[in-house]
């Protein structure tokens, strides 16, 4: 028997370490060649590590949430035959010590997590020959409380974290009614518990839970803390009449076709991006990135629009490149594609970075007013709020006014006061409002 040490390869340019977000093996497990070992996260992208050899896992580099330096041992595998060389097939930097340590403590290659392989078990003596008596069947392992059938559980759409929580609570996922898109989320479990006394803990209170901040949630926490700590935010809100815009949207959707050649259904978001792209040339300070360490503001000519997207793991911001060159249908296609990639974990690093201004929309949950946090190093973030119907005074065409039902929406924008003055932000939103309230301008050259 021999051992093989799989070292964490260089999985991203300039990356010094990666976080363990999920183990797919445990000590003692048998792993096949190309079998899944772990999911490692860096720069909001998750990379799956696969085993280059087959064998038995004898040690792991740490627990989920721990950081592992590039080139440090990740998994030690016991293999058939003699000892094998460490995994050094990656770039030369993969086995080199980390040049720059991150702020949080990370196990560096010079002092890796202890990876002492377990001593091989002594060969078992051959059992006495028994011809007539079959060996006793192993005692059945107690199964945890789970859904009515394993096959039935597999048909329910839910993340691994939701499934684990449902098992711990003894909830059949097939009985939980999801609030949207057929996928069961933690909020759906909470609602199920609220209306089913049988699943409540004694006294009506559920037990406390300790949730380790790791993976994407850790990245979000770090980014939000940096943004609020370094950027002096201010927020400006204006009301916008989107009645005519919503009528245009309905007309375009009615003419989008059917079947395979049908265009995507338009939401309000593509209209808002087009309006923003038409307004930004007059306000270049809004479409900018601020390198506060160098004291340089870069005003970008192209609009690379970040779209805040909620996923099971947390908030991600995929980027629509050159949004100013896309029409409504192209934007709708790209929004749908990027949102799906972010939610199913297939978005690559280049699709999650490089935005110059961000839109954060909560759709029907948009509330009345938002105070969004700027996506650093950008200097502005726009948040459309919920559309509501209210009576308004409108011109009656004869010099007077009449009361009519109108669709109204607030536009909230947060800006970096080091770069943008309040007058600039207000002027930008007022021009944006005029474009949205006269939607024919969206289609004009």
Protein backbone atom coordinates (compact mmCIF):
# COMPACT_ATOMS: atom_id res chain seq x y z
CA UNK A 1 0.00 0.00 0.00
CA UNK A 2 1.12 3.58 -0.65
CA UNK A 3 -0.15 7.09 -0.12
CA UNK A 4 -0.91 9.99 -2.46
CA UNK A 5 -1.15 13.61 -1.31
CA UNK A 6 -3.50 15.76 -3.34
CA UNK A 7 -2.47 19.41 -3.01
CA UNK A 8 -4.80 22.32 -3.70
CA UNK A 9 -3.97 23.50 -7.25
CA UNK A 10 -3.94 27.11 -8.44
CA UNK A 11 -7.64 27.55 -9.23
CA UNK A 12 -7.63 31.25 -10.01
CA UNK A 13 -5.16 33.92 -11.06
CA UNK A 14 -3.79 35.77 -8.05
CA UNK A 15 -5.59 33.53 -5.54
CA UNK A 16 -3.60 32.72 -2.40
CA UNK A 17 -6.12 30.44 -0.70
CA UNK A 18 -9.57 28.92 -1.10
CA UNK A 19 -12.34 28.02 1.32
CA UNK A 20 -13.70 24.52 1.83
CA UNK A 21 -17.44 24.86 1.26
CA UNK A 22 -18.35 21.17 1.00
CA UNK A 23 -16.68 17.78 1.45
CA UNK A 24 -17.89 14.92 -0.74
CA UNK A 25 -15.73 12.35 1.06
CA UNK A 26 -14.89 11.48 4.67
CA UNK A 27 -11.96 9.70 6.27
CA UNK A 28 -12.28 6.00 5.49
CA UNK A 29 -14.32 6.49 2.31
CA UNK A 30 -13.35 4.80 -0.91
CA UNK A 31 -12.85 7.29 -3.77
CA UNK A 32 -12.53 6.40 -7.43
CA UNK A 33 -10.34 8.14 -9.98
CA UNK A 34 -12.02 11.41 -11.04
CA UNK A 35 -14.33 11.08 -8.05
CA UNK A 36 -15.52 14.22 -6.26
CA UNK A 37 -13.43 15.28 -3.27
CA UNK A 38 -14.50 18.79 -2.27
CA UNK A 39 -15.98 22.09 -3.44
CA UNK A 40 -13.61 25.03 -2.99
CA UNK A 41 -14.70 28.67 -3.20
CA UNK A 42 -12.71 31.71 -4.20
CA UNK A 43 -13.79 35.08 -5.58
CA UNK A 44 -17.47 33.99 -5.48
CA UNK A 45 -16.76 31.08 -7.83
CA UNK A 46 -16.99 27.48 -6.62
CA UNK A 47 -14.62 24.88 -8.13
CA UNK A 48 -15.07 21.13 -7.76
CA UNK A 49 -11.94 19.17 -6.87
CA UNK A 50 -11.64 15.66 -8.34
CA UNK A 51 -9.32 12.86 -7.30
CA UNK A 52 -6.58 11.93 -9.79
CA UNK A 53 -6.23 8.46 -8.19
CA UNK A 54 -8.38 5.76 -6.67
CA UNK A 55 -8.01 4.67 -3.08
CA UNK A 56 -9.13 5.15 0.51
CA UNK A 57 -9.22 8.60 2.14
CA UNK A 58 -6.99 8.68 5.22
CA UNK A 59 -6.96 12.41 6.10
CA UNK A 60 -8.57 15.73 5.15
CA UNK A 61 -7.22 19.28 5.38
CA UNK A 62 -9.93 20.69 7.64
CA UNK A 63 -13.61 21.29 8.18
CA UNK A 64 -16.09 23.10 5.97
CA UNK A 65 -15.46 26.83 6.26
CA UNK A 66 -11.68 26.44 6.76
CA UNK A 67 -9.22 28.13 4.42
CA UNK A 68 -6.55 26.11 2.58
CA UNK A 69 -3.54 27.75 0.92
CA UNK A 70 -2.70 27.08 -2.70
CA UNK A 71 -0.19 24.21 -2.79
CA UNK A 72 -1.10 22.92 0.68
CA UNK A 73 -2.24 19.30 1.14
CA UNK A 74 -6.00 18.93 0.74
CA UNK A 75 -6.55 15.14 0.87
CA UNK A 76 -4.26 12.17 1.55
CA UNK A 77 -5.35 8.97 -0.19
CA UNK A 78 -4.13 5.44 0.49
CA UNK A 79 -3.53 3.71 -2.85
CA UNK A 80 -2.65 0.27 -4.12
CA UNK A 81 1.06 -0.26 -4.73
CA UNK A 82 3.96 1.96 -3.68
CA UNK A 83 3.88 5.58 -2.53
CA UNK A 84 3.01 8.00 -5.31
CA UNK A 85 4.41 11.48 -5.82
CA UNK A 86 2.45 14.44 -4.52
CA UNK A 87 0.09 16.10 -6.96
CA UNK A 88 2.27 18.70 -8.64
CA UNK A 89 0.85 18.51 -12.15
CA UNK A 90 -0.65 21.97 -11.91
CA UNK A 91 1.13 25.26 -12.59
CA UNK A 92 4.45 25.77 -10.78
CA UNK A 93 2.83 28.25 -8.44
CA UNK A 94 0.49 25.56 -7.15
CA UNK A 95 3.22 23.96 -5.05
CA UNK A 96 5.02 27.16 -4.16
CA UNK A 97 4.51 28.91 -0.82
CA UNK A 98 1.91 31.65 -0.73
CA UNK A 99 3.52 35.04 -1.32
CA UNK A 100 0.80 37.18 0.25
CA UNK A 101 -1.17 35.96 3.23
CA UNK A 102 -4.85 36.98 3.46
CA UNK A 103 -6.08 38.96 6.43
CA UNK A 104 -7.66 35.98 8.11
CA UNK A 105 -5.47 33.09 9.35
CA UNK A 106 -4.89 30.56 6.58
CA UNK A 107 -2.93 27.34 6.75
CA UNK A 108 0.14 28.06 4.59
CA UNK A 109 2.11 25.32 2.83
CA UNK A 110 5.00 25.91 5.26
CA UNK A 111 2.76 24.92 8.16
CA UNK A 112 -0.09 22.85 6.70
CA UNK A 113 -2.84 21.18 8.59
CA UNK A 114 -1.54 17.93 10.05
CA UNK A 115 -1.93 15.30 7.37
CA UNK A 116 -0.33 12.22 9.01
CA UNK A 117 -1.69 9.18 7.20
CA UNK A 118 -3.16 6.44 9.33
CA UNK A 119 -0.91 3.34 9.68
CA UNK A 120 -2.06 0.47 7.48
CA UNK A 121 -4.11 -2.13 9.26
CA UNK A 122 -2.32 -5.46 9.90
CA UNK A 123 -3.40 -8.22 7.54
CA UNK A 124 -6.29 -10.16 8.93
CA UNK A 125 -5.73 -13.85 9.63
CA UNK A 126 -7.73 -16.11 7.33
CA UNK A 127 -11.05 -17.20 8.86
CA UNK A 128 -11.57 -20.88 9.67
CA UNK A 129 -13.33 -22.72 6.88
CA UNK A 130 -17.06 -22.80 7.41
CA UNK A 131 -18.99 -24.43 4.62
CA UNK A 132 -22.49 -24.87 5.96
CA UNK A 133 -23.07 -21.76 8.07
CA UNK A 134 -23.52 -18.42 6.31
CA UNK A 135 -22.05 -15.35 8.05
CA UNK A 136 -24.60 -13.41 10.09
CA UNK A 137 -26.16 -10.47 8.34
CA UNK A 138 -24.99 -7.10 9.70
CA UNK A 139 -27.39 -5.39 12.06
CA UNK A 140 -29.45 -2.77 10.24
CA UNK A 141 -28.25 0.79 10.91
CA UNK A 142 -30.91 3.06 12.38
CA UNK A 143 -32.19 5.43 9.74
CA UNK A 144 -32.73 9.10 10.61
CA UNK A 145 -36.24 10.44 10.42
CA UNK A 146 -36.72 11.40 6.80
CA UNK A 147 -39.39 11.82 4.16
CA UNK A 148 -41.89 9.11 3.36
CA UNK A 149 -39.57 7.58 0.75
CA UNK A 150 -36.10 8.32 -0.51
CA UNK A 151 -37.30 8.23 -4.10
CA UNK A 152 -40.00 10.72 -3.24
CA UNK A 153 -37.47 13.11 -1.64
CA UNK A 154 -35.41 13.13 -4.83
CA UNK A 155 -38.38 14.53 -6.76
CA UNK A 156 -38.67 17.61 -4.52
CA UNK A 157 -36.54 20.58 -5.58
CA UNK A 158 -34.53 21.81 -2.58
CA UNK A 159 -30.95 22.68 -1.69
CA UNK A 160 -28.84 20.25 0.40
CA UNK A 161 -29.09 22.60 3.39
CA UNK A 162 -32.89 22.63 3.19
CA UNK A 163 -32.98 18.83 2.88
CA UNK A 164 -30.73 18.41 5.92
CA UNK A 165 -32.85 20.76 8.01
CA UNK A 166 -36.02 18.94 6.93
CA UNK A 167 -34.48 15.62 7.99
CA UNK A 168 -33.47 17.05 11.37
CA UNK A 169 -37.01 18.33 11.92
CA UNK A 170 -38.62 15.12 10.64
CA UNK A 171 -40.48 16.96 7.89
CA UNK A 172 -41.61 15.22 4.70
CA UNK A 173 -40.58 17.64 1.94
CA UNK A 174 -43.40 16.29 -0.20
CA UNK A 175 -45.86 17.88 2.23
CA UNK A 176 -44.27 21.34 2.07
CA UNK A 177 -45.82 23.74 -0.40
CA UNK A 178 -43.14 25.98 -2.00
CA UNK A 179 -43.95 29.68 -2.28
CA UNK A 180 -42.45 30.08 -5.78
CA UNK A 181 -40.96 28.20 -8.78
CA UNK A 182 -41.56 24.78 -7.18
CA UNK A 183 -38.37 24.92 -5.06
CA UNK A 184 -38.61 24.43 -1.28
CA UNK A 185 -36.63 27.02 0.68
CA UNK A 186 -35.99 27.66 4.38
CA UNK A 187 -38.85 30.17 4.45
CA UNK A 188 -41.21 27.42 3.22
CA UNK A 189 -40.09 25.16 6.08
CA UNK A 190 -40.71 28.01 8.53
CA UNK A 191 -44.21 28.50 7.13
CA UNK A 192 -44.88 24.75 7.33
CA UNK A 193 -43.78 24.67 10.98
CA UNK A 194 -45.93 27.69 11.81
CA UNK A 195 -49.09 25.90 10.63
CA UNK A 196 -48.33 22.38 11.84
CA UNK A 197 -48.39 21.97 15.60
CA UNK A 198 -47.09 18.39 15.41
CA UNK A 199 -43.70 19.61 14.28
CA UNK A 200 -43.30 22.31 16.91
CA UNK A 201 -40.83 21.89 19.73
CA UNK A 202 -42.21 21.67 23.31
CA UNK A 203 -43.49 25.03 24.47
CA UNK A 204 -44.11 26.21 20.90
CA UNK A 205 -40.52 27.42 20.39
CA UNK A 206 -38.05 25.86 17.98
CA UNK A 207 -34.53 25.11 19.26
CA UNK A 208 -31.77 27.63 18.64
CA UNK A 209 -29.49 27.03 15.68
CA UNK A 210 -25.85 27.97 15.23
CA UNK A 211 -25.01 28.51 11.57
CA UNK A 212 -21.36 28.86 10.58
CA UNK A 213 -20.74 31.85 8.31
CA UNK A 214 -18.91 30.34 5.37
CA UNK A 215 -18.78 30.11 1.60
CA UNK A 216 -20.75 32.73 -0.30
CA UNK A 217 -22.29 34.07 2.92
CA UNK A 218 -18.81 34.84 4.26
CA UNK A 219 -17.91 36.65 1.00
CA UNK A 220 -21.09 38.71 1.23
CA UNK A 221 -20.40 39.61 4.86
CA UNK A 222 -16.86 40.73 4.02
CA UNK A 223 -17.95 42.75 0.96
CA UNK A 224 -20.81 44.50 2.78
CA UNK A 225 -18.60 45.34 5.75
CA UNK A 226 -15.92 46.80 3.48
CA UNK A 227 -18.49 48.84 1.56
CA UNK A 228 -20.15 50.34 4.65
CA UNK A 229 -16.84 50.91 6.40
CA UNK A 230 -15.15 52.68 3.48
CA UNK A 231 -17.95 54.38 1.52
CA UNK A 232 -19.95 57.37 2.85
CA UNK A 233 -23.37 56.44 1.47
CA UNK A 234 -26.29 58.74 0.77
CA UNK A 235 -29.65 57.73 -0.68
CA UNK A 236 -32.06 59.67 -2.90
CA UNK A 237 -35.63 58.55 -3.70
CA UNK A 238 -38.03 59.76 -6.39
CA UNK A 239 -41.52 58.65 -7.46
CA UNK A 240 -42.06 57.63 -11.07
CA UNK A 241 -45.32 57.10 -13.02
CA UNK A 242 -44.83 53.87 -14.98
CA UNK A 243 -48.39 53.48 -16.28
CA UNK A 244 -47.46 54.07 -19.93
CA UNK A 245 -44.31 51.97 -19.55
CA UNK A 246 -46.27 49.01 -18.20
CA UNK A 247 -48.76 49.32 -21.07
CA UNK A 248 -45.89 49.21 -23.57
CA UNK A 249 -44.45 46.16 -21.82
CA UNK A 250 -47.81 44.36 -22.06
CA UNK A 251 -48.10 45.18 -25.78
CA UNK A 252 -44.58 43.91 -26.53
CA UNK A 253 -45.19 40.72 -24.57
CA UNK A 254 -48.41 40.11 -26.49
CA UNK A 255 -46.42 40.32 -29.75
CA UNK A 256 -43.42 38.23 -28.71
CA UNK A 257 -44.60 35.11 -30.53
CA UNK A 258 -45.13 31.52 -29.46
CA UNK A 259 -43.30 28.23 -29.57
CA UNK A 260 -39.56 27.77 -30.02
CA UNK A 261 -39.12 31.07 -31.85
CA UNK A 262 -40.85 33.10 -29.15
CA UNK A 263 -38.96 35.97 -27.60
CA UNK A 264 -38.52 36.03 -23.82
CA UNK A 265 -41.18 37.58 -21.64
CA UNK A 266 -40.22 41.12 -20.70
CA UNK A 267 -40.13 42.23 -17.09
CA UNK A 268 -39.58 45.81 -16.01
CA UNK A 269 -35.83 45.26 -15.58
CA UNK A 270 -34.78 45.40 -19.28
CA UNK A 271 -36.67 48.70 -19.69
CA UNK A 272 -34.94 50.11 -16.65
CA UNK A 273 -31.50 49.08 -17.96
CA UNK A 274 -32.16 50.66 -21.37
CA UNK A 275 -33.36 53.86 -19.70
CA UNK A 276 -30.28 53.93 -17.50
CA UNK A 277 -27.95 53.38 -20.47
CA UNK A 278 -29.59 56.31 -22.31
CA UNK A 279 -29.23 58.57 -19.27
CA UNK A 280 -25.71 57.74 -18.11
CA UNK A 281 -23.81 59.53 -20.94
CA UNK A 282 -25.01 62.83 -19.45
CA UNK A 283 -23.83 61.75 -15.98
CA UNK A 284 -20.50 59.93 -16.46
CA UNK A 285 -19.66 60.22 -12.75
CA UNK A 286 -22.41 57.66 -12.02
CA UNK A 287 -20.97 54.91 -14.26
CA UNK A 288 -17.62 54.78 -12.51
CA UNK A 289 -15.31 52.81 -10.23
CA UNK A 290 -13.26 54.42 -7.44
CA UNK A 291 -9.82 53.06 -6.55
CA UNK A 292 -9.60 54.78 -3.17
CA UNK A 293 -6.11 53.37 -2.48
CA UNK A 294 -4.73 55.06 -5.61
CA UNK A 295 -7.11 58.03 -5.42
CA UNK A 296 -8.32 57.46 -9.01
CA UNK A 297 -11.88 57.47 -10.36
CA UNK A 298 -12.37 55.68 -13.69
CA UNK A 299 -15.42 56.88 -15.62
CA UNK A 300 -16.37 54.07 -17.95
CA UNK A 301 -17.69 54.56 -21.48
CA UNK A 302 -19.35 51.14 -21.64
CA UNK A 303 -22.10 50.15 -19.21
CA UNK A 304 -21.36 46.81 -17.57
CA UNK A 305 -24.52 46.45 -15.52
CA UNK A 306 -24.50 44.27 -12.40
CA UNK A 307 -27.85 42.67 -11.57
CA UNK A 308 -28.20 41.64 -7.92
CA UNK A 309 -29.57 38.08 -7.91
CA UNK A 310 -30.80 36.10 -4.91
CA UNK A 311 -29.62 32.48 -4.76
CA UNK A 312 -29.98 29.72 -2.17
CA UNK A 313 -26.47 30.54 -0.93
CA UNK A 314 -26.97 34.32 -0.81
CA UNK A 315 -26.77 37.40 -2.99
CA UNK A 316 -24.68 37.29 -6.17
CA UNK A 317 -24.14 39.99 -8.81
CA UNK A 318 -23.77 38.62 -12.36
CA UNK A 319 -22.76 41.24 -14.94
CA UNK A 320 -24.36 42.15 -18.28
CA UNK A 321 -21.45 43.25 -20.47
CA UNK A 322 -21.94 46.23 -22.80
CA UNK A 323 -25.55 46.68 -21.80
CA UNK A 324 -25.69 49.90 -23.85
CA UNK A 325 -25.36 47.82 -27.06
CA UNK A 326 -28.26 45.44 -26.34
CA UNK A 327 -31.96 45.82 -27.08
CA UNK A 328 -34.83 44.89 -24.77
CA UNK A 329 -35.06 41.26 -25.95
CA UNK A 330 -31.31 40.70 -25.77
CA UNK A 331 -31.22 42.13 -22.26
CA UNK A 332 -34.10 39.87 -21.20
CA UNK A 333 -32.26 36.82 -22.56
CA UNK A 334 -29.01 37.77 -20.81
CA UNK A 335 -30.75 38.50 -17.49
CA UNK A 336 -32.41 35.08 -17.59
CA UNK A 337 -29.19 33.28 -18.57
CA UNK A 338 -27.03 34.94 -15.92
CA UNK A 339 -29.63 34.50 -13.18
CA UNK A 340 -29.87 30.77 -13.95
CA UNK A 341 -26.08 30.42 -13.98
CA UNK A 342 -25.78 32.19 -10.63
CA UNK A 343 -28.48 30.06 -9.01
CA UNK A 344 -27.23 26.69 -10.26
CA UNK A 345 -23.58 27.49 -9.53
CA UNK A 346 -22.30 27.48 -13.14
CA UNK A 347 -21.47 31.20 -13.37
CA UNK A 348 -17.76 31.75 -13.98
CA UNK A 349 -15.63 34.42 -12.34
CA UNK A 350 -15.69 36.71 -15.41
CA UNK A 351 -19.51 36.77 -15.23
CA UNK A 352 -19.40 37.85 -11.58
CA UNK A 353 -16.94 40.73 -11.75
CA UNK A 354 -16.21 43.97 -13.59
CA UNK A 355 -19.56 45.74 -13.21
CA UNK A 356 -19.59 49.55 -13.42
CA UNK A 357 -23.05 50.18 -11.92
CA UNK A 358 -25.54 47.81 -10.28
CA UNK A 359 -29.32 47.42 -10.18
CA UNK A 360 -30.87 45.69 -7.16
CA UNK A 361 -34.50 44.73 -7.68
CA UNK A 362 -36.69 42.75 -5.29
CA UNK A 363 -39.61 42.59 -7.73
CA UNK A 364 -42.97 42.43 -5.97
CA UNK A 365 -41.13 42.47 -2.60
CA UNK A 366 -39.51 45.80 -3.48
CA UNK A 367 -41.18 47.75 -0.70
CA UNK A 368 -41.67 51.53 -0.75
CA UNK A 369 -38.08 52.72 -0.27
CA UNK A 370 -34.68 51.00 -0.33
CA UNK A 371 -31.24 51.99 0.93
CA UNK A 372 -29.07 49.58 -1.09
CA UNK A 373 -25.40 49.06 -0.22
CA UNK A 374 -22.97 50.04 -2.99
CA UNK A 375 -21.17 47.21 -4.77
CA UNK A 376 -17.62 48.39 -4.14
CA UNK A 377 -15.60 49.73 -6.01
CA UNK A 378 -18.60 51.08 -7.92
CA UNK A 379 -20.00 54.44 -6.83
CA UNK A 380 -23.76 54.01 -7.37
CA UNK A 381 -26.48 51.37 -7.08
CA UNK A 382 -30.09 51.76 -8.25
CA UNK A 383 -33.04 49.98 -6.61
CA UNK A 384 -36.51 50.07 -8.21
CA UNK A 385 -39.26 49.54 -5.67
CA UNK A 386 -42.65 47.88 -5.85
CA UNK A 387 -45.24 49.18 -8.35
CA UNK A 388 -48.42 50.32 -6.62
CA UNK A 389 -51.72 51.69 -7.98
CA UNK A 390 -52.95 54.99 -6.57
CA UNK A 391 -55.33 57.77 -7.64
CA UNK A 392 -53.54 60.75 -9.14
CA UNK A 393 -54.47 64.11 -10.65
CA UNK A 394 -53.74 63.99 -14.39
CA UNK A 395 -54.47 66.46 -17.24
CA UNK A 396 -57.94 66.02 -18.70
CA UNK A 397 -57.00 67.37 -22.16
CA UNK A 398 -59.10 70.47 -21.77
CA UNK A 399 -56.84 72.55 -19.58
CA UNK A 400 -58.07 71.01 -16.35
CA UNK A 401 -57.37 67.91 -14.29
CA UNK A 402 -59.12 64.66 -13.49
CA UNK A 403 -58.51 61.82 -11.05
CA UNK A 404 -57.22 58.60 -12.61
CA UNK A 405 -55.73 55.32 -11.40
CA UNK A 406 -51.99 55.30 -12.10
CA UNK A 407 -49.14 52.84 -11.58
CA UNK A 408 -46.39 54.40 -9.47
CA UNK A 409 -42.95 53.19 -8.53
CA UNK A 410 -40.21 54.72 -6.38
CA UNK A 411 -36.63 54.78 -7.63
CA UNK A 412 -34.05 54.58 -4.82
CA UNK A 413 -30.38 55.22 -5.48
CA UNK A 414 -27.39 55.03 -3.13
CA UNK A 415 -24.23 56.93 -4.08
CA UNK A 416 -20.66 57.34 -2.89
CA UNK A 417 -20.51 60.91 -1.55
CA UNK A 418 -16.75 61.06 -2.11
CA UNK A 419 -17.37 60.96 -5.86
CA UNK A 420 -21.00 62.00 -6.44
CA UNK A 421 -22.73 65.12 -5.12
CA UNK A 422 -26.38 65.11 -4.12
CA UNK A 423 -27.26 67.44 -7.00
CA UNK A 424 -25.72 65.02 -9.52
CA UNK A 425 -27.61 62.03 -8.11
CA UNK A 426 -30.92 63.92 -8.05
CA UNK A 427 -30.42 65.20 -11.60
CA UNK A 428 -29.61 61.70 -12.85
CA UNK A 429 -32.74 60.20 -11.28
CA UNK A 430 -34.94 63.03 -12.60
CA UNK A 431 -33.67 62.44 -16.16
CA UNK A 432 -34.15 58.70 -15.70
CA UNK A 433 -37.71 59.33 -14.51
CA UNK A 434 -38.51 61.42 -17.61
CA UNK A 435 -37.33 58.62 -19.91
CA UNK A 436 -39.40 56.02 -18.06
CA UNK A 437 -42.51 58.20 -18.05
CA UNK A 438 -42.14 58.76 -21.82
CA UNK A 439 -41.31 55.19 -22.87
CA UNK A 440 -41.22 55.96 -26.60
CA UNK A 441 -37.81 57.49 -25.85
CA UNK A 442 -36.54 54.00 -25.03
CA UNK A 443 -36.99 52.96 -28.65
CA UNK A 444 -35.74 56.20 -30.24
CA UNK A 445 -32.30 56.32 -31.85
